[in-house]
């Protein structure tokens, strides 16, 4: 994916493109870089981002992190 730094979403290492300014030139360059990726690399990054999103941003992932935090905090 191509995301803005401001969205507050982390990407797995070596995956995706993070926009710093969201200016038109930067977006165009990011799109060109993404389109230039080999199909197998694009697939690898896409799958890694999907796995990361499910683990980190899903309801289940949130509940798992919250339980771990509470368990640590409450002893």
PDB file of N, CA and C in Angstrom:
ATOM      1  N   UNK A   1       0.813  -1.214   0.000  1.00  0.00           N
ATOM      2  CA  UNK A   1       0.000   0.000   0.000  1.00  0.00           C
ATOM      3  C   UNK A   1       0.844   1.261   0.000  1.00  0.00           C
ATOM      4  N   UNK A   2       0.212   2.307  -0.371  1.00  0.00           N
ATOM      5  CA  UNK A   2       0.802   3.641  -0.278  1.00  0.00           C
ATOM      6  C   UNK A   2      -0.017   4.373   0.771  1.00  0.00           C
ATOM      7  N   UNK A   3       0.622   4.778   1.854  1.00  0.00           N
ATOM      8  CA  UNK A   3      -0.089   5.450   2.942  1.00  0.00           C
ATOM      9  C   UNK A   3       0.635   6.723   3.338  1.00  0.00           C
ATOM     10  N   UNK A   4      -0.114   7.607   3.939  1.00  0.00           N
ATOM     11  CA  UNK A   4       0.462   8.832   4.485  1.00  0.00           C
ATOM     12  C   UNK A   4       0.970   8.552   5.892  1.00  0.00           C
ATOM     13  N   UNK A   5       2.045   9.173   6.274  1.00  0.00           N
ATOM     14  CA  UNK A   5       2.563   9.056   7.635  1.00  0.00           C
ATOM     15  C   UNK A   5       1.488   9.453   8.642  1.00  0.00           C
ATOM     16  N   UNK A   6       0.598  10.366   8.258  1.00  0.00           N
ATOM     17  CA  UNK A   6      -0.415  10.902   9.165  1.00  0.00           C
ATOM     18  C   UNK A   6      -1.547   9.935   9.492  1.00  0.00           C
ATOM     19  N   UNK A   7      -1.672   8.827   8.771  1.00  0.00           N
ATOM     20  CA  UNK A   7      -2.789   7.916   9.051  1.00  0.00           C
ATOM     21  C   UNK A   7      -2.576   7.111  10.324  1.00  0.00           C
ATOM     22  N   UNK A   8      -1.337   7.050  10.811  1.00  0.00           N
ATOM     23  CA  UNK A   8      -1.074   6.336  12.056  1.00  0.00           C
ATOM     24  C   UNK A   8      -1.030   4.833  11.914  1.00  0.00           C
ATOM     25  N   UNK A   9      -0.821   4.349  10.710  1.00  0.00           N
ATOM     26  CA  UNK A   9      -0.742   2.918  10.454  1.00  0.00           C
ATOM     27  C   UNK A   9       0.705   2.547  10.193  1.00  0.00           C
ATOM     28  N   UNK A  10       1.184   1.534  10.888  1.00  0.00           N
ATOM     29  CA  UNK A  10       2.532   1.036  10.641  1.00  0.00           C
ATOM     30  C   UNK A  10       2.482  -0.055   9.586  1.00  0.00           C
ATOM     31  N   UNK A  11       3.509  -0.097   8.766  1.00  0.00           N
ATOM     32  CA  UNK A  11       3.633  -1.147   7.752  1.00  0.00           C
ATOM     33  C   UNK A  11       4.775  -2.076   8.144  1.00  0.00           C
ATOM     34  N   UNK A  12       4.712  -3.328   7.714  1.00  0.00           N
ATOM     35  CA  UNK A  12       5.831  -4.226   7.984  1.00  0.00           C
ATOM     36  C   UNK A  12       7.113  -3.706   7.334  1.00  0.00           C
ATOM     37  N   UNK A  13       8.251  -4.050   7.925  1.00  0.00           N
ATOM     38  CA  UNK A  13       9.533  -3.635   7.357  1.00  0.00           C
ATOM     39  C   UNK A  13       9.645  -4.092   5.911  1.00  0.00           C
ATOM     40  N   UNK A  14      10.101  -3.195   5.056  1.00  0.00           N
ATOM     41  CA  UNK A  14      10.326  -3.523   3.655  1.00  0.00           C
ATOM     42  C   UNK A  14       9.071  -3.632   2.822  1.00  0.00           C
ATOM     43  N   UNK A  15       7.957  -3.130   3.342  1.00  0.00           N
ATOM     44  CA  UNK A  15       6.690  -3.228   2.602  1.00  0.00           C
ATOM     45  C   UNK A  15       6.014  -1.869   2.508  1.00  0.00           C
ATOM     46  N   UNK A  16       5.420  -1.624   1.367  1.00  0.00           N
ATOM     47  CA  UNK A  16       4.646  -0.423   1.184  1.00  0.00           C
ATOM     48  C   UNK A  16       5.493   0.823   1.033  1.00  0.00           C
ATOM     49  N   UNK A  17       4.805   1.920   0.831  1.00  0.00           N
ATOM     50  CA  UNK A  17       5.441   3.217   0.635  1.00  0.00           C
ATOM     51  C   UNK A  17       4.731   4.207   1.549  1.00  0.00           C
ATOM     52  N   UNK A  18       5.510   4.921   2.340  1.00  0.00           N
ATOM     53  CA  UNK A  18       4.949   5.911   3.260  1.00  0.00           C
ATOM     54  C   UNK A  18       5.208   7.307   2.704  1.00  0.00           C
ATOM     55  N   UNK A  19       4.140   8.052   2.513  1.00  0.00           N
ATOM     56  CA  UNK A  19       4.243   9.419   2.012  1.00  0.00           C
ATOM     57  C   UNK A  19       4.533  10.368   3.162  1.00  0.00           C
ATOM     58  N   UNK A  20       5.445  11.282   2.950  1.00  0.00           N
ATOM     59  CA  UNK A  20       5.801  12.263   3.976  1.00  0.00           C
ATOM     60  C   UNK A  20       5.009  13.552   3.827  1.00  0.00           C
ATOM     61  N   UNK A  21       4.819  13.996   2.588  1.00  0.00           N
ATOM     62  CA  UNK A  21       4.198  15.301   2.359  1.00  0.00           C
ATOM     63  C   UNK A  21       2.837  15.219   1.682  1.00  0.00           C
ATOM     64  N   UNK A  22       2.576  14.153   0.996  1.00  0.00           N
ATOM     65  CA  UNK A  22       1.331  13.954   0.228  1.00  0.00           C
ATOM     66  C   UNK A  22       1.163  14.976  -0.894  1.00  0.00           C
ATOM     67  N   UNK A  23       2.279  15.517  -1.343  1.00  0.00           N
ATOM     68  CA  UNK A  23       2.213  16.425  -2.486  1.00  0.00           C
ATOM     69  C   UNK A  23       2.049  15.597  -3.754  1.00  0.00           C
ATOM     70  N   UNK A  24       1.500  16.210  -4.779  1.00  0.00           N
ATOM     71  CA  UNK A  24       1.194  15.503  -6.025  1.00  0.00           C
ATOM     72  C   UNK A  24       2.422  14.794  -6.582  1.00  0.00           C
ATOM     73  N   UNK A  25       3.568  15.472  -6.618  1.00  0.00           N
ATOM     74  CA  UNK A  25       4.787  14.856  -7.154  1.00  0.00           C
ATOM     75  C   UNK A  25       5.176  13.617  -6.351  1.00  0.00           C
ATOM     76  N   UNK A  26       5.069  13.698  -5.037  1.00  0.00           N
ATOM     77  CA  UNK A  26       5.433  12.561  -4.201  1.00  0.00           C
ATOM     78  C   UNK A  26       4.486  11.386  -4.444  1.00  0.00           C
ATOM     79  N   UNK A  27       3.204  11.664  -4.597  1.00  0.00           N
ATOM     80  CA  UNK A  27       2.226  10.606  -4.865  1.00  0.00           C
ATOM     81  C   UNK A  27       2.496   9.968  -6.220  1.00  0.00           C
ATOM     82  N   UNK A  28       2.777  10.789  -7.219  1.00  0.00           N
ATOM     83  CA  UNK A  28       3.086  10.260  -8.552  1.00  0.00           C
ATOM     84  C   UNK A  28       4.328   9.368  -8.516  1.00  0.00           C
ATOM     85  N   UNK A  29       5.356   9.798  -7.787  1.00  0.00           N
ATOM     86  CA  UNK A  29       6.577   8.988  -7.679  1.00  0.00           C
ATOM     87  C   UNK A  29       6.309   7.674  -6.952  1.00  0.00           C
ATOM     88  N   UNK A  30       5.499   7.717  -5.914  1.00  0.00           N
ATOM     89  CA  UNK A  30       5.166   6.506  -5.171  1.00  0.00           C
ATOM     90  C   UNK A  30       4.395   5.527  -6.053  1.00  0.00           C
ATOM     91  N   UNK A  31       3.480   6.047  -6.840  1.00  0.00           N
ATOM     92  CA  UNK A  31       2.718   5.187  -7.747  1.00  0.00           C
ATOM     93  C   UNK A  31       3.628   4.566  -8.795  1.00  0.00           C
ATOM     94  N   UNK A  32       4.551   5.345  -9.326  1.00  0.00           N
ATOM     95  CA  UNK A  32       5.492   4.818 -10.318  1.00  0.00           C
ATOM     96  C   UNK A  32       6.364   3.721  -9.700  1.00  0.00           C
ATOM     97  N   UNK A  33       6.823   3.924  -8.457  1.00  0.00           N
ATOM     98  CA  UNK A  33       7.628   2.897  -7.771  1.00  0.00           C
ATOM     99  C   UNK A  33       6.818   1.629  -7.557  1.00  0.00           C
ATOM    100  N   UNK A  34       5.569   1.780  -7.156  1.00  0.00           N
ATOM    101  CA  UNK A  34       4.718   0.611  -6.924  1.00  0.00           C
ATOM    102  C   UNK A  34       4.461  -0.139  -8.227  1.00  0.00           C
ATOM    103  N   UNK A  35       4.198   0.600  -9.292  1.00  0.00           N
ATOM    104  CA  UNK A  35       3.932  -0.035 -10.591  1.00  0.00           C
ATOM    105  C   UNK A  35       5.172  -0.721 -11.166  1.00  0.00           C
ATOM    106  N   UNK A  36       6.350  -0.274 -10.741  1.00  0.00           N
ATOM    107  CA  UNK A  36       7.596  -0.852 -11.248  1.00  0.00           C
ATOM    108  C   UNK A  36       7.998  -2.129 -10.506  1.00  0.00           C
ATOM    109  N   UNK A  37       7.315  -2.462  -9.420  1.00  0.00           N
ATOM    110  CA  UNK A  37       7.661  -3.675  -8.675  1.00  0.00           C
ATOM    111  C   UNK A  37       7.378  -4.923  -9.501  1.00  0.00           C
ATOM    112  N   UNK A  38       8.244  -5.889  -9.356  1.00  0.00           N
ATOM    113  CA  UNK A  38       8.005  -7.182 -10.006  1.00  0.00           C
ATOM    114  C   UNK A  38       6.743  -7.802  -9.393  1.00  0.00           C
ATOM    115  N   UNK A  39       5.979  -8.540 -10.181  1.00  0.00           N
ATOM    116  CA  UNK A  39       4.734  -9.122  -9.663  1.00  0.00           C
ATOM    117  C   UNK A  39       4.919  -9.953  -8.391  1.00  0.00           C
ATOM    118  N   UNK A  40       5.994 -10.730  -8.317  1.00  0.00           N
ATOM    119  CA  UNK A  40       6.196 -11.553  -7.115  1.00  0.00           C
ATOM    120  C   UNK A  40       6.528 -10.683  -5.897  1.00  0.00           C
ATOM    121  N   UNK A  41       7.233  -9.583  -6.099  1.00  0.00           N
ATOM    122  CA  UNK A  41       7.535  -8.671  -4.996  1.00  0.00           C
ATOM    123  C   UNK A  41       6.277  -7.939  -4.546  1.00  0.00           C
ATOM    124  N   UNK A  42       5.468  -7.534  -5.488  1.00  0.00           N
ATOM    125  CA  UNK A  42       4.208  -6.884  -5.156  1.00  0.00           C
ATOM    126  C   UNK A  42       3.318  -7.839  -4.355  1.00  0.00           C
ATOM    127  N   UNK A  43       3.258  -9.089  -4.780  1.00  0.00           N
ATOM    128  CA  UNK A  43       2.466 -10.094  -4.063  1.00  0.00           C
ATOM    129  C   UNK A  43       3.015 -10.313  -2.657  1.00  0.00           C
ATOM    130  N   UNK A  44       4.336 -10.376  -2.517  1.00  0.00           N
ATOM    131  CA  UNK A  44       4.952 -10.579  -1.201  1.00  0.00           C
ATOM    132  C   UNK A  44       4.594  -9.448  -0.261  1.00  0.00           C
ATOM    133  N   UNK A  45       4.733  -8.218  -0.743  1.00  0.00           N
ATOM    134  CA  UNK A  45       4.430  -7.062   0.087  1.00  0.00           C
ATOM    135  C   UNK A  45       2.944  -6.994   0.439  1.00  0.00           C
ATOM    136  N   UNK A  46       2.108  -7.298  -0.526  1.00  0.00           N
ATOM    137  CA  UNK A  46       0.665  -7.269  -0.285  1.00  0.00           C
ATOM    138  C   UNK A  46       0.280  -8.281   0.786  1.00  0.00           C
ATOM    139  N   UNK A  47       0.783  -9.494   0.686  1.00  0.00           N
ATOM    140  CA  UNK A  47       0.468 -10.521   1.685  1.00  0.00           C
ATOM    141  C   UNK A  47       1.015 -10.159   3.056  1.00  0.00           C
ATOM    142  N   UNK A  48       2.218  -9.616   3.097  1.00  0.00           N
ATOM    143  CA  UNK A  48       2.804  -9.209   4.378  1.00  0.00           C
ATOM    144  C   UNK A  48       1.972  -8.103   5.020  1.00  0.00           C
ATOM    145  N   UNK A  49       1.508  -7.158   4.226  1.00  0.00           N
ATOM    146  CA  UNK A  49       0.684  -6.071   4.757  1.00  0.00           C
ATOM    147  C   UNK A  49      -0.676  -6.593   5.227  1.00  0.00           C
ATOM    148  N   UNK A  50      -1.239  -7.531   4.499  1.00  0.00           N
ATOM    149  CA  UNK A  50      -2.515  -8.111   4.917  1.00  0.00           C
ATOM    150  C   UNK A  50      -2.368  -8.846   6.248  1.00  0.00           C
ATOM    151  N   UNK A  51      -1.328  -9.668   6.371  1.00  0.00           N
ATOM    152  CA  UNK A  51      -1.093 -10.395   7.626  1.00  0.00           C
ATOM    153  C   UNK A  51      -0.884  -9.422   8.780  1.00  0.00           C
ATOM    154  N   UNK A  52      -0.070  -8.411   8.536  1.00  0.00           N
ATOM    155  CA  UNK A  52       0.207  -7.411   9.567  1.00  0.00           C
ATOM    156  C   UNK A  52      -1.081  -6.702   9.993  1.00  0.00           C
ATOM    157  N   UNK A  53      -1.911  -6.318   9.040  1.00  0.00           N
ATOM    158  CA  UNK A  53      -3.157  -5.616   9.358  1.00  0.00           C
ATOM    159  C   UNK A  53      -4.082  -6.508  10.175  1.00  0.00           C
ATOM    160  N   UNK A  54      -4.190  -7.782   9.806  1.00  0.00           N
ATOM    161  CA  UNK A  54      -5.052  -8.696  10.558  1.00  0.00           C
ATOM    162  C   UNK A  54      -4.546  -8.910  11.977  1.00  0.00           C
ATOM    163  N   UNK A  55      -3.238  -9.006  12.131  1.00  0.00           N
ATOM    164  CA  UNK A  55      -2.663  -9.222  13.455  1.00  0.00           C
ATOM    165  C   UNK A  55      -2.721  -7.966  14.320  1.00  0.00           C
ATOM    166  N   UNK A  56      -2.580  -6.812  13.709  1.00  0.00           N
ATOM    167  CA  UNK A  56      -2.430  -5.571  14.458  1.00  0.00           C
ATOM    168  C   UNK A  56      -3.715  -4.771  14.582  1.00  0.00           C
ATOM    169  N   UNK A  57      -4.482  -4.671  13.524  1.00  0.00           N
ATOM    170  CA  UNK A  57      -5.608  -3.751  13.502  1.00  0.00           C
ATOM    171  C   UNK A  57      -6.983  -4.414  13.533  1.00  0.00           C
ATOM    172  N   UNK A  58      -7.042  -5.730  13.556  1.00  0.00           N
ATOM    173  CA  UNK A  58      -8.336  -6.402  13.625  1.00  0.00           C
ATOM    174  C   UNK A  58      -8.882  -6.350  15.045  1.00  0.00           C
ATOM    175  N   UNK A  59     -10.137  -6.627  15.188  1.00  0.00           N
ATOM    176  CA  UNK A  59     -10.758  -6.681  16.510  1.00  0.00           C
ATOM    177  C   UNK A  59     -10.070  -7.731  17.378  1.00  0.00           C
ATOM    178  N   UNK A  60      -9.755  -8.875  16.779  1.00  0.00           N
ATOM    179  CA  UNK A  60      -9.081  -9.941  17.520  1.00  0.00           C
ATOM    180  C   UNK A  60      -7.683  -9.524  17.958  1.00  0.00           C
ATOM    181  N   UNK A  61      -6.975  -8.853  17.062  1.00  0.00           N
ATOM    182  CA  UNK A  61      -5.634  -8.373  17.394  1.00  0.00           C
ATOM    183  C   UNK A  61      -5.667  -7.352  18.511  1.00  0.00           C
ATOM    184  N   UNK A  62      -6.651  -6.464  18.449  1.00  0.00           N
ATOM    185  CA  UNK A  62      -6.793  -5.460  19.498  1.00  0.00           C
ATOM    186  C   UNK A  62      -7.105  -6.141  20.834  1.00  0.00           C
ATOM    187  N   UNK A  63      -8.035  -7.093  20.815  1.00  0.00           N
ATOM    188  CA  UNK A  63      -8.408  -7.794  22.051  1.00  0.00           C
ATOM    189  C   UNK A  63      -7.212  -8.551  22.630  1.00  0.00           C
ATOM    190  N   UNK A  64      -6.415  -9.162  21.769  1.00  0.00           N
ATOM    191  CA  UNK A  64      -5.230  -9.905  22.214  1.00  0.00           C
ATOM    192  C   UNK A  64      -4.229  -8.958  22.885  1.00  0.00           C
ATOM    193  N   UNK A  65      -3.980  -7.813  22.280  1.00  0.00           N
ATOM    194  CA  UNK A  65      -3.047  -6.853  22.862  1.00  0.00           C
ATOM    195  C   UNK A  65      -3.589  -6.268  24.165  1.00  0.00           C
ATOM    196  N   UNK A  66      -4.894  -6.004  24.203  1.00  0.00           N
ATOM    197  CA  UNK A  66      -5.495  -5.461  25.415  1.00  0.00           C
ATOM    198  C   UNK A  66      -5.420  -6.467  26.560  1.00  0.00           C
ATOM    199  N   UNK A  67      -5.715  -7.749  26.282  1.00  0.00           N
ATOM    200  CA  UNK A  67      -5.600  -8.790  27.312  1.00  0.00           C
ATOM    201  C   UNK A  67      -4.177  -8.886  27.835  1.00  0.00           C
ATOM    202  N   UNK A  68      -3.210  -8.852  26.938  1.00  0.00           N
ATOM    203  CA  UNK A  68      -1.805  -8.950  27.340  1.00  0.00           C
ATOM    204  C   UNK A  68      -1.431  -7.741  28.202  1.00  0.00           C
ATOM    205  N   UNK A  69      -1.867  -6.577  27.809  1.00  0.00           N
ATOM    206  CA  UNK A  69      -1.579  -5.369  28.583  1.00  0.00           C
ATOM    207  C   UNK A  69      -2.195  -5.465  29.980  1.00  0.00           C
ATOM    208  N   UNK A  70      -3.469  -5.844  30.042  1.00  0.00           N
ATOM    209  CA  UNK A  70      -4.152  -5.936  31.329  1.00  0.00           C
ATOM    210  C   UNK A  70      -3.523  -7.008  32.217  1.00  0.00           C
ATOM    211  N   UNK A  71      -3.166  -8.116  31.613  1.00  0.00           N
ATOM    212  CA  UNK A  71      -2.530  -9.196  32.369  1.00  0.00           C
ATOM    213  C   UNK A  71      -1.205  -8.709  32.966  1.00  0.00           C
ATOM    214  N   UNK A  72      -0.435  -7.978  32.181  1.00  0.00           N
ATOM    215  CA  UNK A  72       0.839  -7.445  32.655  1.00  0.00           C
ATOM    216  C   UNK A  72       0.604  -6.388  33.740  1.00  0.00           C
ATOM    217  N   UNK A  73      -0.354  -5.523  33.516  1.00  0.00           N
ATOM    218  CA  UNK A  73      -0.625  -4.422  34.427  1.00  0.00           C
ATOM    219  C   UNK A  73      -1.201  -4.924  35.760  1.00  0.00           C
ATOM    220  N   UNK A  74      -2.091  -5.910  35.678  1.00  0.00           N
ATOM    221  CA  UNK A  74      -2.738  -6.427  36.885  1.00  0.00           C
ATOM    222  C   UNK A  74      -1.905  -7.495  37.587  1.00  0.00           C
ATOM    223  N   UNK A  75      -0.917  -8.007  36.894  1.00  0.00           N
ATOM    224  CA  UNK A  75      -0.052  -9.012  37.478  1.00  0.00           C
ATOM    225  C   UNK A  75      -0.665 -10.340  37.329  1.00  0.00           C
TER     226      UNK A  75
END
